[in-house]
């Protein structure tokens, strides 16, 4: 893997562009008779896509908890939308932690569960701030229904959550991920 150029070792945000460039490098290597490292990258990409799919399933369930509780609190209990969005988001974080750390991410050896949970909560609070800011801007400033705004806010926070949890909490399969330097 040492023969990979620096642009094949980019940060996670540039991963897909870097991966496409690495595929092009692999094709060029094959034409020139060199052994390519592409099978390793394909395995890493397959593992990442499987992890994204698991994250998606957990995320859909967490979204249903978040969205459903927000609507119930706002429409049936008369709670103001920002407060109900905060309460529902918090409830979904608890579910998300339990499901994500069991089914999506690999526990980092040497990190206590307490520290893992604290990091998860800190990342989630930042996600909550992003969520609430987007809810305020979309609903109060732009006049978009809170129901529509919540869907857009959830999409933004979902990307943030995956990237930060992968970076700070996931031990991953170091044999498959380290050469790509996703973290």
Protein backbone atom coordinates (compact mmCIF):
# COMPACT_ATOMS: atom_id res chain seq x y z
CA UNK A 1 0.00 0.00 0.00
CA UNK A 2 2.99 2.30 0.38
CA UNK A 3 3.00 2.86 -3.39
CA UNK A 4 -0.34 4.65 -3.29
CA UNK A 5 -0.06 8.36 -4.02
CA UNK A 6 -1.07 10.86 -1.31
CA UNK A 7 -4.42 11.62 -2.94
CA UNK A 8 -5.44 7.97 -2.35
CA UNK A 9 -5.03 8.56 1.36
CA UNK A 10 -7.42 11.50 1.85
CA UNK A 11 -9.68 12.30 4.80
CA UNK A 12 -13.10 10.64 5.00
CA UNK A 13 -14.84 13.63 3.40
CA UNK A 14 -12.74 13.13 0.27
CA UNK A 15 -12.99 9.34 0.43
CA UNK A 16 -15.27 8.80 -2.56
CA UNK A 17 -13.25 11.10 -4.82
CA UNK A 18 -10.04 9.48 -3.63
CA UNK A 19 -11.49 6.02 -4.16
CA UNK A 20 -12.46 6.86 -7.75
CA UNK A 21 -8.94 8.13 -8.39
CA UNK A 22 -7.52 4.94 -6.87
CA UNK A 23 -9.70 2.90 -9.22
CA UNK A 24 -8.29 4.87 -12.13
CA UNK A 25 -4.77 4.25 -10.80
CA UNK A 26 -5.55 0.53 -10.59
CA UNK A 27 -6.67 0.48 -14.21
CA UNK A 28 -3.50 2.31 -15.27
CA UNK A 29 -1.38 -0.14 -13.25
CA UNK A 30 -3.07 -3.08 -14.97
CA UNK A 31 -2.31 -1.61 -18.39
CA UNK A 32 1.33 -1.19 -17.40
CA UNK A 33 1.61 -4.74 -16.02
CA UNK A 34 1.92 -3.71 -12.36
CA UNK A 35 0.12 -5.42 -9.51
CA UNK A 36 -2.72 -3.24 -8.30
CA UNK A 37 -3.95 -2.79 -4.75
CA UNK A 38 -7.55 -2.39 -5.94
CA UNK A 39 -8.89 -5.69 -4.50
CA UNK A 40 -7.97 -4.39 -1.04
CA UNK A 41 -9.75 -1.10 -1.69
CA UNK A 42 -12.79 -2.94 -3.02
CA UNK A 43 -12.96 -4.98 0.19
CA UNK A 44 -12.66 -1.82 2.25
CA UNK A 45 -15.35 -0.11 0.16
CA UNK A 46 -17.64 -3.14 0.48
CA UNK A 47 -17.17 -3.12 4.27
CA UNK A 48 -17.83 0.62 4.41
CA UNK A 49 -21.00 0.25 2.31
CA UNK A 50 -22.22 -2.57 4.58
CA UNK A 51 -21.57 -0.34 7.58
CA UNK A 52 -23.44 2.53 5.91
CA UNK A 53 -26.40 0.23 5.25
CA UNK A 54 -26.50 -0.87 8.92
CA UNK A 55 -26.18 2.78 9.95
CA UNK A 56 -29.08 3.56 7.62
CA UNK A 57 -31.34 0.93 9.18
CA UNK A 58 -30.53 2.12 12.70
CA UNK A 59 -30.99 5.69 11.49
CA UNK A 60 -34.43 4.98 10.00
CA UNK A 61 -35.64 3.50 13.29
CA UNK A 62 -34.11 6.41 15.24
CA UNK A 63 -35.76 8.84 12.80
CA UNK A 64 -39.15 7.19 13.32
CA UNK A 65 -38.70 7.55 17.08
CA UNK A 66 -37.52 11.16 16.69
CA UNK A 67 -40.13 12.25 14.14
CA UNK A 68 -43.02 10.31 15.67
CA UNK A 69 -42.39 11.58 19.19
CA UNK A 70 -41.95 15.15 17.90
CA UNK A 71 -45.32 15.02 16.09
CA UNK A 72 -47.07 13.45 19.09
CA UNK A 73 -45.64 16.04 21.48
CA UNK A 74 -46.39 18.98 19.17
CA UNK A 75 -49.76 17.97 17.77
CA UNK A 76 -51.30 15.99 20.62
CA UNK A 77 -49.63 17.42 23.72
CA UNK A 78 -49.33 21.03 22.50
CA UNK A 79 -45.59 21.27 23.18
CA UNK A 80 -43.81 24.04 21.25
CA UNK A 81 -42.03 22.58 18.17
CA UNK A 82 -38.45 23.41 19.23
CA UNK A 83 -38.92 21.83 22.65
CA UNK A 84 -40.64 18.79 21.18
CA UNK A 85 -37.86 18.45 18.58
CA UNK A 86 -35.27 18.55 21.38
CA UNK A 87 -37.09 15.96 23.49
CA UNK A 88 -37.65 13.62 20.56
CA UNK A 89 -34.05 14.01 19.40
CA UNK A 90 -32.80 13.12 22.90
CA UNK A 91 -34.97 9.98 23.03
CA UNK A 92 -33.71 8.88 19.64
CA UNK A 93 -30.08 9.42 20.75
CA UNK A 94 -30.47 6.86 23.53
CA UNK A 95 -31.83 4.29 21.07
CA UNK A 96 -29.19 5.27 18.51
CA UNK A 97 -26.32 4.76 20.96
CA UNK A 98 -27.50 1.31 21.98
CA UNK A 99 -28.16 0.15 18.41
CA UNK A 100 -25.16 1.84 16.76
CA UNK A 101 -22.58 0.54 19.19
CA UNK A 102 -24.05 -2.94 19.01
CA UNK A 103 -24.74 -3.33 15.27
CA UNK A 104 -22.88 -0.63 13.34
CA UNK A 105 -19.60 0.38 14.95
CA UNK A 106 -16.89 -1.72 16.56
CA UNK A 107 -15.95 -0.88 20.14
CA UNK A 108 -12.42 0.55 20.39
CA UNK A 109 -10.26 -1.67 22.55
CA UNK A 110 -8.98 0.25 25.54
CA UNK A 111 -11.83 2.79 25.51
CA UNK A 112 -14.18 2.41 28.45
CA UNK A 113 -17.91 2.22 27.74
CA UNK A 114 -18.33 5.28 29.93
CA UNK A 115 -15.90 7.30 27.79
CA UNK A 116 -17.51 5.92 24.64
CA UNK A 117 -20.94 7.03 25.85
CA UNK A 118 -19.66 10.48 26.84
CA UNK A 119 -18.11 10.95 23.38
CA UNK A 120 -21.33 9.70 21.77
CA UNK A 121 -23.39 12.15 23.83
CA UNK A 122 -21.05 15.09 23.09
CA UNK A 123 -21.24 14.32 19.37
CA UNK A 124 -25.02 13.98 19.68
CA UNK A 125 -25.34 17.32 21.49
CA UNK A 126 -23.48 18.96 18.62
CA UNK A 127 -25.88 17.13 16.29
CA UNK A 128 -28.78 18.46 18.38
CA UNK A 129 -27.47 22.01 18.03
CA UNK A 130 -27.23 21.54 14.26
CA UNK A 131 -30.74 20.01 14.26
CA UNK A 132 -32.26 22.84 16.31
CA UNK A 133 -30.49 25.55 14.32
CA UNK A 134 -31.81 24.07 11.08
CA UNK A 135 -35.29 23.71 12.60
CA UNK A 136 -35.24 27.38 13.68
CA UNK A 137 -33.93 28.67 10.35
CA UNK A 138 -36.27 26.53 8.25
CA UNK A 139 -39.40 27.01 10.34
CA UNK A 140 -39.10 30.44 11.93
CA UNK A 141 -36.98 32.36 9.43
CA UNK A 142 -37.98 30.71 6.15
CA UNK A 143 -41.57 29.80 7.07
CA UNK A 144 -41.27 26.16 6.03
CA UNK A 145 -43.43 23.65 7.89
CA UNK A 146 -41.64 22.08 10.82
CA UNK A 147 -42.57 18.67 9.37
CA UNK A 148 -40.62 19.35 6.16
CA UNK A 149 -37.78 21.16 7.90
CA UNK A 150 -37.27 18.16 10.22
CA UNK A 151 -36.64 15.86 7.25
CA UNK A 152 -33.93 18.16 5.85
CA UNK A 153 -32.38 18.67 9.30
CA UNK A 154 -32.32 14.90 9.83
CA UNK A 155 -30.47 14.35 6.55
CA UNK A 156 -27.77 16.87 7.48
CA UNK A 157 -27.37 15.52 11.01
CA UNK A 158 -27.26 11.94 9.69
CA UNK A 159 -24.17 12.68 7.59
CA UNK A 160 -22.55 14.49 10.51
CA UNK A 161 -23.33 11.58 12.84
CA UNK A 162 -21.84 8.90 10.60
CA UNK A 163 -18.64 10.79 9.88
CA UNK A 164 -17.99 11.81 13.49
CA UNK A 165 -18.91 8.46 15.02
CA UNK A 166 -16.75 6.64 12.50
CA UNK A 167 -13.86 8.96 13.28
CA UNK A 168 -14.11 9.02 17.08
CA UNK A 169 -15.81 5.78 18.13
CA UNK A 170 -15.30 3.04 15.55
CA UNK A 171 -12.33 0.69 15.91
CA UNK A 172 -13.20 -0.71 12.50
CA UNK A 173 -11.31 -3.44 10.76
CA UNK A 174 -7.86 -1.89 10.92
CA UNK A 175 -6.51 -4.27 8.30
CA UNK A 176 -9.05 -3.02 5.77
CA UNK A 177 -9.36 0.62 6.80
CA UNK A 178 -5.96 1.90 7.82
CA UNK A 179 -4.43 1.84 4.32
CA UNK A 180 -7.25 4.09 3.13
CA UNK A 181 -6.80 6.38 6.13
CA UNK A 182 -10.49 6.95 6.62
CA UNK A 183 -9.93 8.19 10.13
